[in-house]
């Protein structure tokens, strides 16, 4: 090959350009260099040149748990209406202020000492975090009690490394935060889901063998309900009796829209059983990967060593910038402004769901965080898929269950979507709800039909030997009911329905259709039967008008 200077003159390009090209071709095996002799085209056939792909390594396999662990694929694609869960509004982040603080830490004088830092984190940041959570969350901690991590997930990983032995039982909320559940499973733990109700985790259902319990008491993920004070006391007492540790993940309680939250478990703990985990992914940005944990003194040396062996320490310039961000009052100011923004979105979604979606969804009370949950009587997986096709990103409650889901619903985030797009996004999502809720699961033999609102429910017994579809009307108002079945039993079922519906507040039009499609209209308690046809199974269908767009 010609020298780089000569080839650059021939091609009339910079010598640097030619030199870079030579270096790349050499690295890829097309050229070889010989000291004192120049550069030559490689004599190796192209097929024998080094591949850019890694070797297959078919005989080298990961541990069995990593071959069977079902880790969901994170979808990073953008959609028109993004109701993603746990994602803050990046447009609201004070980027110019943050850029100034980071630039200050990257000056030549600041990086002159190119040494590794303390695995526990920057001393100024640990002190700032201790002051911040002491004021905002009543957490009892000093600077030496704080360990800075790459987000809450690494905090959970460090705790698991220190406390979990293969085969240990770890209790998690059901439904709950799946990344924590899968992490504990990857460490060899036997993970058991514990039911969650209106007061939070059911302490009486925690397995006696559990040595670690993971909870989100301030804003249960994903249901949104806080852990009641009685349950908090019961959980701490249980941990003391069983010699167990409780992980308190306080992931987004900074954003509170109504009353002051209950005191964290850590502030109520007198036996040193609670490890408090926090994150700046919701208050600032997930991409910063900044979190922390506050552990009892007995665990602090082991956790610091685990951090050292994991990645030595988190990014020091970013830690120093965050310390100044907190000490200058900028974090508190940002949280106040963001809380007003998210409170407006929270209220808008609540109003929209109550107004337009009451027949299909029942809101779970929640007054904090970046998401809320709405329950349904039927599986909403098809709704989520249909919504995705319509450009709407929401999540099904079933995705957060360890076992078979006992409840169905949607988990709706409002951090990422602009306020002005919430109405359109809710309407686009609602187009598929009537289809999903129009049918219920089949039941055999004698069937009970529940009609009316939860506070006003009337039980109608329908004696049918054939199969009848069960409809449970929890907080649903029925606008009209379609009956399709064999003629001899249409009048019997219609009379029972009308007795329960027409005399109450649910005044709609009830249409009866025979097996051959001959319709009959029933207004009030009057039924005019015109249906004829062969006997067959009776199918009861419920339908609603679509929500307004």
Protein backbone atom coordinates (compact mmCIF):
# COMPACT_ATOMS: atom_id res chain seq x y z
CA UNK A 1 0.00 0.00 0.00
CA UNK A 2 1.27 3.52 -0.69
CA UNK A 3 2.37 5.62 2.28
CA UNK A 4 -0.40 7.68 3.87
CA UNK A 5 1.15 11.01 2.74
CA UNK A 6 1.38 9.86 -0.88
CA UNK A 7 -2.17 8.47 -0.98
CA UNK A 8 -3.54 11.64 0.63
CA UNK A 9 -1.93 13.72 -2.14
CA UNK A 10 -3.34 11.45 -4.85
CA UNK A 11 -6.86 11.59 -3.43
CA UNK A 12 -6.56 15.25 -2.41
CA UNK A 13 -7.76 14.55 1.13
CA UNK A 14 -6.30 15.10 4.57
CA UNK A 15 -3.50 12.75 5.61
CA UNK A 16 -5.40 12.17 8.88
CA UNK A 17 -8.34 10.78 6.90
CA UNK A 18 -6.11 8.26 5.15
CA UNK A 19 -4.38 7.32 8.38
CA UNK A 20 -7.72 6.62 10.06
CA UNK A 21 -8.80 4.48 7.10
CA UNK A 22 -5.55 2.47 7.28
CA UNK A 23 -5.98 1.93 11.01
CA UNK A 24 -9.54 0.70 10.61
CA UNK A 25 -8.67 -1.69 7.76
CA UNK A 26 -5.78 -3.02 9.83
CA UNK A 27 -8.00 -3.53 12.86
CA UNK A 28 -10.50 -5.46 10.74
CA UNK A 29 -7.79 -7.71 9.32
CA UNK A 30 -7.77 -6.45 5.74
CA UNK A 31 -4.31 -4.86 6.06
CA UNK A 32 -1.17 -5.90 7.93
CA UNK A 33 1.74 -3.69 8.91
CA UNK A 34 5.42 -4.68 8.96
CA UNK A 35 7.84 -2.54 10.92
CA UNK A 36 10.25 -0.82 8.54
CA UNK A 37 8.60 -2.35 5.48
CA UNK A 38 5.23 -0.62 5.18
CA UNK A 39 1.58 -1.66 4.97
CA UNK A 40 0.38 -4.65 2.94
CA UNK A 41 -2.90 -6.25 1.96
CA UNK A 42 -3.51 -9.29 4.13
CA UNK A 43 -2.80 -12.65 2.48
CA UNK A 44 -5.46 -14.38 4.55
CA UNK A 45 -8.65 -15.36 2.64
CA UNK A 46 -11.64 -13.20 3.52
CA UNK A 47 -13.48 -16.16 5.04
CA UNK A 48 -10.64 -16.68 7.50
CA UNK A 49 -10.46 -13.07 8.60
CA UNK A 50 -11.48 -12.35 12.19
CA UNK A 51 -15.21 -12.16 12.63
CA UNK A 52 -16.75 -9.11 14.27
CA UNK A 53 -19.22 -11.35 16.11
CA UNK A 54 -18.43 -13.06 19.40
CA UNK A 55 -17.85 -16.83 19.37
CA UNK A 56 -20.94 -18.98 19.81
CA UNK A 57 -19.71 -20.60 23.02
CA UNK A 58 -22.42 -23.27 22.82
CA UNK A 59 -20.80 -25.29 25.61
CA UNK A 60 -20.62 -22.32 28.00
CA UNK A 61 -24.00 -21.81 29.68
CA UNK A 62 -25.26 -19.53 32.48
CA UNK A 63 -26.66 -20.89 35.72
CA UNK A 64 -30.05 -22.57 35.42
CA UNK A 65 -31.89 -19.64 37.01
CA UNK A 66 -30.75 -17.33 34.21
CA UNK A 67 -31.95 -19.79 31.58
CA UNK A 68 -35.44 -19.90 33.08
CA UNK A 69 -35.92 -16.39 34.51
CA UNK A 70 -38.66 -14.66 32.52
CA UNK A 71 -37.35 -11.09 32.32
CA UNK A 72 -39.71 -8.88 30.27
CA UNK A 73 -38.34 -7.06 27.27
CA UNK A 74 -38.42 -3.34 27.92
CA UNK A 75 -40.14 -1.54 25.05
CA UNK A 76 -38.36 1.73 24.38
CA UNK A 77 -40.48 2.72 21.40
CA UNK A 78 -42.42 5.96 21.56
CA UNK A 79 -46.20 6.20 21.28
CA UNK A 80 -48.59 9.06 20.75
CA UNK A 81 -50.20 8.77 24.19
CA UNK A 82 -47.68 7.56 26.75
CA UNK A 83 -49.22 6.46 30.06
CA UNK A 84 -45.98 4.69 31.04
CA UNK A 85 -45.67 3.79 34.72
CA UNK A 86 -42.94 5.34 36.87
CA UNK A 87 -41.60 7.74 34.25
CA UNK A 88 -41.31 11.45 35.15
CA UNK A 89 -41.71 14.36 32.75
CA UNK A 90 -38.20 14.99 31.43
CA UNK A 91 -39.29 18.29 29.87
CA UNK A 92 -39.85 19.66 33.36
CA UNK A 93 -36.33 18.84 34.57
CA UNK A 94 -34.17 21.99 35.16
CA UNK A 95 -31.57 20.96 32.63
CA UNK A 96 -29.67 24.27 32.48
CA UNK A 97 -29.22 24.35 36.25
CA UNK A 98 -28.08 20.74 36.23
CA UNK A 99 -25.67 21.39 33.35
CA UNK A 100 -24.09 24.24 35.35
CA UNK A 101 -23.63 22.08 38.42
CA UNK A 102 -22.12 19.15 36.49
CA UNK A 103 -19.82 21.47 34.51
CA UNK A 104 -18.50 22.86 37.76
CA UNK A 105 -17.52 19.35 38.88
CA UNK A 106 -15.76 18.62 35.57
CA UNK A 107 -13.35 21.55 35.66
CA UNK A 108 -9.66 20.68 35.46
CA UNK A 109 -9.09 21.64 39.10
CA UNK A 110 -11.90 19.32 40.21
CA UNK A 111 -10.61 16.23 38.41
CA UNK A 112 -6.89 16.75 39.02
CA UNK A 113 -6.89 14.02 41.68
CA UNK A 114 -7.76 10.98 39.56
CA UNK A 115 -8.43 8.61 42.43
CA UNK A 116 -11.19 6.19 43.30
CA UNK A 117 -13.76 7.40 45.80
CA UNK A 118 -15.51 6.04 48.86
CA UNK A 119 -17.75 3.07 47.95
CA UNK A 120 -20.44 4.52 50.21
CA UNK A 121 -20.61 7.62 48.03
CA UNK A 122 -19.59 11.27 48.06
CA UNK A 123 -19.50 12.53 51.66
CA UNK A 124 -21.31 15.79 50.83
CA UNK A 125 -24.07 13.92 49.00
CA UNK A 126 -24.58 11.44 51.84
CA UNK A 127 -24.91 14.34 54.27
CA UNK A 128 -27.31 16.17 51.94
CA UNK A 129 -29.47 13.06 51.49
CA UNK A 130 -29.62 12.47 55.24
CA UNK A 131 -30.83 16.05 55.82
CA UNK A 132 -33.30 15.88 52.93
CA UNK A 133 -35.03 12.63 53.91
CA UNK A 134 -34.97 13.67 57.56
CA UNK A 135 -37.01 16.77 56.77
CA UNK A 136 -39.23 15.44 53.95
CA UNK A 137 -39.81 11.86 55.17
CA UNK A 138 -38.84 11.82 58.88
CA UNK A 139 -36.19 9.16 58.23
CA UNK A 140 -33.74 8.79 61.11
CA UNK A 141 -30.28 8.81 59.53
CA UNK A 142 -26.93 10.58 59.54
CA UNK A 143 -24.43 10.86 56.70
CA UNK A 144 -22.63 7.68 57.78
CA UNK A 145 -25.89 5.72 57.56
CA UNK A 146 -26.43 6.54 53.86
CA UNK A 147 -24.98 4.50 51.00
CA UNK A 148 -25.30 5.93 47.47
CA UNK A 149 -26.27 3.48 44.71
CA UNK A 150 -27.03 3.33 41.00
CA UNK A 151 -30.77 3.67 41.56
CA UNK A 152 -33.06 1.66 43.81
CA UNK A 153 -32.44 -1.53 41.81
CA UNK A 154 -28.79 -1.67 42.79
CA UNK A 155 -29.76 -0.97 46.38
CA UNK A 156 -32.01 -4.05 46.28
CA UNK A 157 -29.21 -6.05 44.67
CA UNK A 158 -26.73 -5.12 47.41
CA UNK A 159 -29.23 -5.98 50.14
CA UNK A 160 -29.91 -9.32 48.46
CA UNK A 161 -26.21 -10.14 48.14
CA UNK A 162 -25.69 -9.45 51.83
CA UNK A 163 -28.80 -11.15 53.24
CA UNK A 164 -30.05 -13.86 50.85
CA UNK A 165 -28.71 -17.38 50.81
CA UNK A 166 -29.84 -19.82 48.09
CA UNK A 167 -33.11 -21.36 49.16
CA UNK A 168 -34.13 -18.55 51.52
CA UNK A 169 -37.76 -17.46 51.41
CA UNK A 170 -38.39 -13.85 50.40
CA UNK A 171 -41.89 -12.39 50.68
CA UNK A 172 -43.06 -9.78 48.17
CA UNK A 173 -46.33 -7.96 47.62
CA UNK A 174 -48.86 -9.56 45.26
CA UNK A 175 -49.28 -7.77 42.92
CA UNK A 176 -45.95 -6.02 43.19
CA UNK A 177 -42.78 -4.64 41.64
CA UNK A 178 -41.55 -7.32 39.25
CA UNK A 179 -37.87 -6.15 38.95
CA UNK A 180 -37.41 -6.73 42.69
CA UNK A 181 -39.11 -10.13 42.50
CA UNK A 182 -36.93 -11.30 39.61
CA UNK A 183 -33.79 -9.96 41.25
CA UNK A 184 -34.41 -11.99 44.40
CA UNK A 185 -35.12 -15.06 42.28
CA UNK A 186 -31.83 -14.58 40.42
CA UNK A 187 -30.01 -14.66 43.76
CA UNK A 188 -31.46 -18.10 44.46
CA UNK A 189 -34.32 -17.07 46.74
CA UNK A 190 -37.71 -18.75 46.91
CA UNK A 191 -40.01 -15.79 46.26
CA UNK A 192 -43.54 -15.94 47.66
CA UNK A 193 -46.30 -13.44 46.85
CA UNK A 194 -48.35 -12.06 49.76
CA UNK A 195 -51.84 -10.64 49.01
CA UNK A 196 -52.45 -6.91 49.15
CA UNK A 197 -55.79 -5.42 50.19
CA UNK A 198 -57.13 -1.93 50.97
CA UNK A 199 -54.73 -1.64 53.95
CA UNK A 200 -51.65 -2.92 52.13
CA UNK A 201 -49.82 -6.21 52.55
CA UNK A 202 -51.63 -8.84 54.61
CA UNK A 203 -49.12 -9.44 57.39
CA UNK A 204 -50.95 -12.56 58.59
CA UNK A 205 -50.31 -14.19 55.19
CA UNK A 206 -46.52 -13.75 55.23
CA UNK A 207 -44.84 -17.18 55.32
CA UNK A 208 -43.26 -17.99 58.68
CA UNK A 209 -40.09 -19.08 56.86
CA UNK A 210 -39.55 -15.66 55.24
CA UNK A 211 -36.35 -13.92 56.30
CA UNK A 212 -36.75 -10.93 54.00
CA UNK A 213 -39.93 -8.98 53.21
CA UNK A 214 -40.06 -6.42 50.40
CA UNK A 215 -42.80 -3.76 50.65
CA UNK A 216 -43.77 -0.37 49.18
CA UNK A 217 -45.72 1.01 52.15
CA UNK A 218 -46.06 4.68 51.20
CA UNK A 219 -47.63 4.04 47.78
CA UNK A 220 -48.10 0.33 47.11
CA UNK A 221 -46.82 -0.62 43.70
CA UNK A 222 -48.86 -0.93 41.57
CA UNK A 223 -52.20 -0.66 43.46
CA UNK A 224 -51.40 2.73 45.00
CA UNK A 225 -52.83 2.21 48.50
CA UNK A 226 -50.69 3.12 51.53
CA UNK A 227 -49.93 0.60 54.24
CA UNK A 228 -52.17 1.40 57.22
CA UNK A 229 -50.62 2.35 60.55
CA UNK A 230 -51.95 -0.84 62.15
CA UNK A 231 -50.38 -2.96 59.41
CA UNK A 232 -47.07 -1.10 59.80
CA UNK A 233 -46.97 -1.90 63.48
CA UNK A 234 -47.97 -5.51 62.78
CA UNK A 235 -45.24 -5.90 60.13
CA UNK A 236 -42.53 -4.55 62.43
CA UNK A 237 -43.71 -6.82 65.24
CA UNK A 238 -43.73 -9.81 62.87
CA UNK A 239 -40.17 -9.04 61.71
CA UNK A 240 -39.01 -8.83 65.33
CA UNK A 241 -40.60 -12.19 66.20
CA UNK A 242 -39.28 -13.95 63.12
CA UNK A 243 -35.81 -12.37 63.11
CA UNK A 244 -36.51 -11.03 59.62
CA UNK A 245 -35.53 -7.91 57.68
CA UNK A 246 -37.97 -5.57 55.95
CA UNK A 247 -36.99 -3.66 52.81
CA UNK A 248 -38.97 -0.41 52.60
CA UNK A 249 -38.94 0.90 49.03
CA UNK A 250 -40.04 4.54 49.17
CA UNK A 251 -39.85 5.03 45.43
CA UNK A 252 -42.13 8.02 44.70
CA UNK A 253 -43.69 9.33 47.91
CA UNK A 254 -42.12 12.77 47.31
CA UNK A 255 -45.16 13.53 45.15
CA UNK A 256 -48.12 13.75 47.52
CA UNK A 257 -51.34 15.51 46.54
CA UNK A 258 -53.46 15.44 49.68
CA UNK A 259 -52.64 14.63 53.30
CA UNK A 260 -49.16 14.20 54.72
CA UNK A 261 -48.10 10.55 54.30
CA UNK A 262 -47.86 8.15 57.20
CA UNK A 263 -44.49 7.90 58.87
CA UNK A 264 -42.14 5.50 57.08
CA UNK A 265 -41.47 2.12 58.61
CA UNK A 266 -37.87 3.14 59.20
CA UNK A 267 -38.89 5.93 61.57
CA UNK A 268 -41.15 3.55 63.51
CA UNK A 269 -38.54 0.78 63.69
CA UNK A 270 -36.91 0.39 67.09
CA UNK A 271 -35.35 -3.02 66.55
CA UNK A 272 -33.15 -2.27 63.52
CA UNK A 273 -35.21 -4.45 61.17
CA UNK A 274 -35.82 -2.01 58.30
CA UNK A 275 -33.58 -1.13 55.35
CA UNK A 276 -34.90 2.06 53.74
CA UNK A 277 -34.42 2.41 49.96
CA UNK A 278 -34.89 5.64 48.02
CA UNK A 279 -34.36 6.82 44.46
CA UNK A 280 -33.98 10.04 42.48
CA UNK A 281 -35.27 8.41 39.29
CA UNK A 282 -38.79 9.80 39.82
CA UNK A 283 -37.91 13.18 41.32
CA UNK A 284 -35.16 13.88 38.76
CA UNK A 285 -34.43 11.57 35.80
CA UNK A 286 -34.10 7.76 35.50
CA UNK A 287 -31.04 8.16 33.27
CA UNK A 288 -29.03 9.66 36.15
CA UNK A 289 -29.18 6.27 37.95
CA UNK A 290 -28.95 7.71 41.44
CA UNK A 291 -30.44 6.10 44.53
CA UNK A 292 -29.53 5.33 48.11
CA UNK A 293 -30.21 3.07 51.06
CA UNK A 294 -30.25 3.59 54.81
CA UNK A 295 -29.46 0.41 56.74
CA UNK A 296 -29.09 -0.53 60.41
CA UNK A 297 -25.52 -0.13 61.66
CA UNK A 298 -25.04 -3.91 61.82
CA UNK A 299 -25.43 -4.19 58.02
CA UNK A 300 -23.51 -1.11 56.91
CA UNK A 301 -19.97 -2.60 56.64
CA UNK A 302 -21.18 -5.59 54.60
CA UNK A 303 -23.25 -3.36 52.29
CA UNK A 304 -20.30 -1.01 51.71
CA UNK A 305 -18.08 -3.99 50.84
CA UNK A 306 -20.74 -5.36 48.49
CA UNK A 307 -20.85 -1.98 46.74
CA UNK A 308 -17.07 -1.95 46.45
CA UNK A 309 -17.00 -5.42 44.91
CA UNK A 310 -19.90 -4.60 42.60
CA UNK A 311 -18.71 -1.39 40.92
CA UNK A 312 -16.47 0.34 43.51
CA UNK A 313 -18.57 3.51 43.60
CA UNK A 314 -21.11 5.54 41.64
CA UNK A 315 -20.21 8.42 39.34
CA UNK A 316 -18.47 11.07 41.49
CA UNK A 317 -19.11 14.26 39.43
CA UNK A 318 -22.82 13.47 39.27
CA UNK A 319 -22.90 12.80 43.02
CA UNK A 320 -21.19 16.11 43.76
CA UNK A 321 -23.59 17.95 41.46
CA UNK A 322 -26.59 16.38 43.21
CA UNK A 323 -25.20 17.35 46.61
CA UNK A 324 -25.15 21.00 45.55
CA UNK A 325 -28.57 20.64 43.91
CA UNK A 326 -29.99 19.51 47.26
CA UNK A 327 -28.06 21.94 49.48
CA UNK A 328 -29.02 24.96 47.37
CA UNK A 329 -32.70 24.10 47.80
CA UNK A 330 -33.12 23.29 44.13
CA UNK A 331 -34.42 19.75 44.69
CA UNK A 332 -37.10 20.91 47.12
CA UNK A 333 -38.15 23.65 44.70
CA UNK A 334 -38.28 21.20 41.79
CA UNK A 335 -40.37 18.73 43.79
CA UNK A 336 -42.87 21.45 44.75
CA UNK A 337 -43.31 22.54 41.13
CA UNK A 338 -43.48 18.99 39.82
CA UNK A 339 -46.02 18.04 42.50
CA UNK A 340 -48.39 20.73 41.28
CA UNK A 341 -47.99 19.50 37.71
CA UNK A 342 -48.56 15.84 38.58
CA UNK A 343 -51.44 16.70 40.91
CA UNK A 344 -53.20 18.37 37.98
CA UNK A 345 -52.69 15.30 35.79
CA UNK A 346 -53.75 12.95 38.57
CA UNK A 347 -56.97 14.92 39.10
CA UNK A 348 -57.70 15.02 35.37
CA UNK A 349 -57.32 11.26 34.96
CA UNK A 350 -59.44 10.57 38.05
CA UNK A 351 -62.19 12.88 36.76
CA UNK A 352 -62.06 11.36 33.28
CA UNK A 353 -62.20 7.77 34.50
CA UNK A 354 -65.05 8.44 36.91
CA UNK A 355 -67.04 10.29 34.25
CA UNK A 356 -66.48 8.12 31.20
CA UNK A 357 -65.26 4.74 32.44
CA UNK A 358 -67.36 3.89 35.51
CA UNK A 359 -69.14 1.00 33.73
CA UNK A 360 -65.82 -0.72 33.13
CA UNK A 361 -63.24 0.47 35.62
CA UNK A 362 -63.19 1.14 39.37
CA UNK A 363 -60.47 3.44 40.65
CA UNK A 364 -58.29 2.37 43.56
CA UNK A 365 -57.97 5.38 45.91
CA UNK A 366 -54.54 6.94 45.62
CA UNK A 367 -53.16 10.38 46.43
CA UNK A 368 -49.46 10.13 45.64
CA UNK A 369 -46.88 9.10 43.07
CA UNK A 370 -46.84 8.99 39.29
CA UNK A 371 -49.49 6.35 38.57
CA UNK A 372 -52.86 5.04 39.65
CA UNK A 373 -54.68 1.74 39.28
CA UNK A 374 -58.21 0.96 38.06
CA UNK A 375 -59.80 -2.46 38.58
CA UNK A 376 -62.04 -4.37 36.19
CA UNK A 377 -64.15 -7.50 36.45
CA UNK A 378 -62.50 -9.07 33.39
CA UNK A 379 -59.03 -9.57 31.96
CA UNK A 380 -57.82 -6.44 30.14
CA UNK A 381 -54.86 -7.87 28.24
CA UNK A 382 -56.72 -7.46 24.92
CA UNK A 383 -57.49 -3.85 25.85
CA UNK A 384 -53.80 -3.11 26.40
CA UNK A 385 -52.90 -4.68 23.05
CA UNK A 386 -55.68 -2.82 21.22
CA UNK A 387 -54.69 0.43 22.92
CA UNK A 388 -51.10 -0.07 21.82
CA UNK A 389 -52.28 -0.41 18.23
CA UNK A 390 -54.15 2.88 18.69
CA UNK A 391 -50.97 4.62 19.90
CA UNK A 392 -51.73 4.39 23.64
CA UNK A 393 -49.25 2.87 26.12
CA UNK A 394 -50.89 1.50 29.30
CA UNK A 395 -50.14 -1.60 31.36
CA UNK A 396 -52.32 -4.46 32.53
CA UNK A 397 -52.42 -5.21 36.24
CA UNK A 398 -51.73 -8.87 35.48
CA UNK A 399 -48.15 -7.97 34.49
CA UNK A 400 -47.35 -7.30 38.16
CA UNK A 401 -48.58 -10.63 39.53
CA UNK A 402 -46.26 -13.42 40.60
CA UNK A 403 -48.93 -16.10 40.23
CA UNK A 404 -52.28 -16.31 38.48
CA UNK A 405 -53.94 -12.88 38.70
CA UNK A 406 -56.91 -12.74 41.05
CA UNK A 407 -57.71 -9.17 40.05
CA UNK A 408 -57.76 -7.47 36.69
CA UNK A 409 -57.29 -3.86 35.77
CA UNK A 410 -55.09 -1.17 34.27
CA UNK A 411 -52.08 0.65 35.71
CA UNK A 412 -52.01 4.18 34.33
CA UNK A 413 -49.01 6.48 34.60
CA UNK A 414 -49.25 10.23 34.14
CA UNK A 415 -45.67 11.40 34.47
CA UNK A 416 -44.67 11.17 30.83
CA UNK A 417 -47.84 12.31 29.05
CA UNK A 418 -48.50 16.06 28.62
CA UNK A 419 -51.55 17.31 30.48
CA UNK A 420 -53.26 18.47 27.31
CA UNK A 421 -53.06 14.97 25.80
CA UNK A 422 -54.59 13.04 28.69
CA UNK A 423 -58.20 13.44 27.53
CA UNK A 424 -57.44 12.28 24.00
CA UNK A 425 -55.35 9.38 25.27
CA UNK A 426 -58.05 8.18 27.67
CA UNK A 427 -60.65 8.30 24.91
CA UNK A 428 -58.40 6.37 22.51
CA UNK A 429 -57.76 3.72 25.18
CA UNK A 430 -61.47 3.45 26.00
CA UNK A 431 -62.52 2.43 22.51
CA UNK A 432 -61.66 -1.21 23.20
CA UNK A 433 -63.11 -1.46 26.71
CA UNK A 434 -66.73 -2.29 25.77
CA UNK A 435 -65.56 -5.27 23.73
CA UNK A 436 -63.47 -6.67 26.57
CA UNK A 437 -66.20 -6.20 29.15
CA UNK A 438 -69.04 -7.42 26.98
CA UNK A 439 -68.54 -11.09 27.85
CA UNK A 440 -67.95 -12.91 31.11
CA UNK A 441 -66.67 -16.38 31.89
CA UNK A 442 -69.03 -19.31 31.57
CA UNK A 443 -70.48 -21.10 34.59
CA UNK A 444 -72.40 -24.37 34.79
CA UNK A 445 -75.82 -25.18 36.27
CA UNK A 446 -77.72 -22.83 38.57
CA UNK A 447 -76.32 -19.34 38.28
CA UNK A 448 -76.53 -16.20 40.37
CA UNK A 449 -76.78 -12.92 38.51
CA UNK A 450 -75.58 -9.85 40.40
CA UNK A 451 -77.18 -6.60 39.28
CA UNK A 452 -76.66 -3.00 40.39
CA UNK A 453 -74.05 -0.95 42.17
CA UNK A 454 -71.90 -2.25 45.02
CA UNK A 455 -73.91 -0.30 47.62
CA UNK A 456 -77.21 -1.18 45.97
CA UNK A 457 -76.73 -4.72 44.65
CA UNK A 458 -79.71 -7.00 44.15
CA UNK A 459 -79.36 -10.74 43.71
CA UNK A 460 -81.50 -12.36 41.08
CA UNK A 461 -81.52 -16.15 40.96
CA UNK A 462 -82.06 -17.55 37.53
CA UNK A 463 -82.86 -21.26 37.51
CA UNK A 464 -81.49 -22.57 34.24
CA UNK A 465 -80.30 -26.08 33.56
CA UNK A 466 -78.37 -24.93 30.55
CA UNK A 467 -75.16 -22.93 30.61
CA UNK A 468 -75.46 -19.27 31.65
CA UNK A 469 -72.75 -16.66 31.48
CA UNK A 470 -72.04 -15.10 34.87
CA UNK A 471 -72.02 -11.32 35.11
CA UNK A 472 -70.82 -9.70 38.32
CA UNK A 473 -71.87 -6.04 38.29
CA UNK A 474 -69.51 -4.57 40.85
CA UNK A 475 -70.11 -0.84 40.60
CA UNK A 476 -71.52 -1.11 37.10
CA UNK A 477 -74.64 0.53 35.80
CA UNK A 478 -76.31 -1.46 33.03
CA UNK A 479 -77.67 0.49 30.10
CA UNK A 480 -79.12 -2.39 28.13
CA UNK A 481 -79.02 -6.16 28.19
CA UNK A 482 -79.15 -8.47 25.20
CA UNK A 483 -80.60 -11.94 25.62
CA UNK A 484 -80.01 -14.52 22.93
CA UNK A 485 -81.40 -17.98 23.56
CA UNK A 486 -84.07 -20.56 23.00
CA UNK A 487 -87.64 -19.24 23.13
CA UNK A 488 -89.19 -21.21 26.02
CA UNK A 489 -86.92 -19.66 28.60
CA UNK A 490 -86.56 -16.11 27.34
CA UNK A 491 -89.64 -14.84 29.27
CA UNK A 492 -88.45 -16.43 32.52
CA UNK A 493 -85.03 -14.78 32.40
CA UNK A 494 -86.41 -11.43 31.16
CA UNK A 495 -88.91 -11.23 34.00
CA UNK A 496 -86.17 -11.78 36.58
CA UNK A 497 -83.97 -9.16 34.97
CA UNK A 498 -86.69 -6.55 34.71
CA UNK A 499 -87.80 -7.10 38.27
CA UNK A 500 -84.31 -6.21 39.42
CA UNK A 501 -83.56 -3.46 36.92
CA UNK A 502 -86.61 -1.48 35.92
CA UNK A 503 -87.87 -0.76 39.45
CA UNK A 504 -84.50 0.71 40.43
CA UNK A 505 -82.35 3.53 39.12
CA UNK A 506 -81.03 1.57 36.12
CA UNK A 507 -83.61 2.57 33.54
CA UNK A 508 -82.61 1.45 30.10
CA UNK A 509 -83.92 -0.39 27.12
CA UNK A 510 -83.91 -4.18 27.45
CA UNK A 511 -83.95 -6.01 24.16
CA UNK A 512 -84.79 -9.69 23.83
CA UNK A 513 -83.70 -11.58 20.76
CA UNK A 514 -84.51 -15.20 19.95
CA UNK A 515 -82.14 -17.74 18.58
CA UNK A 516 -83.13 -16.84 15.03
CA UNK A 517 -82.71 -13.10 15.60
CA UNK A 518 -86.39 -12.22 16.02
CA UNK A 519 -86.40 -9.23 18.39
CA UNK A 520 -88.79 -8.36 21.18
CA UNK A 521 -88.91 -5.07 23.04
CA UNK A 522 -89.47 -4.91 26.78
CA UNK A 523 -90.25 -1.58 28.44
CA UNK A 524 -90.95 -1.45 32.18
CA UNK A 525 -92.21 -4.83 33.36
CA UNK A 526 -94.00 -5.62 30.11
CA UNK A 527 -92.42 -8.29 27.96
CA UNK A 528 -93.70 -9.02 24.49
CA UNK A 529 -92.18 -12.29 23.37
CA UNK A 530 -91.75 -12.85 19.68
CA UNK A 531 -88.76 -15.13 19.87
CA UNK A 532 -89.08 -18.57 18.34
CA UNK A 533 -86.67 -21.29 17.39
CA UNK A 534 -85.02 -24.47 18.46
CA UNK A 535 -83.84 -24.96 22.02
CA UNK A 536 -80.19 -24.25 22.68
CA UNK A 537 -77.93 -22.78 25.33
CA UNK A 538 -78.87 -19.34 26.64
CA UNK A 539 -76.17 -16.69 26.31
CA UNK A 540 -76.36 -13.47 28.26
CA UNK A 541 -74.43 -10.56 26.86
CA UNK A 542 -73.84 -7.19 28.42
CA UNK A 543 -72.96 -4.15 26.31
CA UNK A 544 -72.37 -0.48 26.98
CA UNK A 545 -72.03 2.63 24.85
CA UNK A 546 -68.49 3.64 24.19
CA UNK A 547 -67.03 6.54 26.17
CA UNK A 548 -67.20 9.89 24.41
CA UNK A 549 -64.21 10.95 22.35
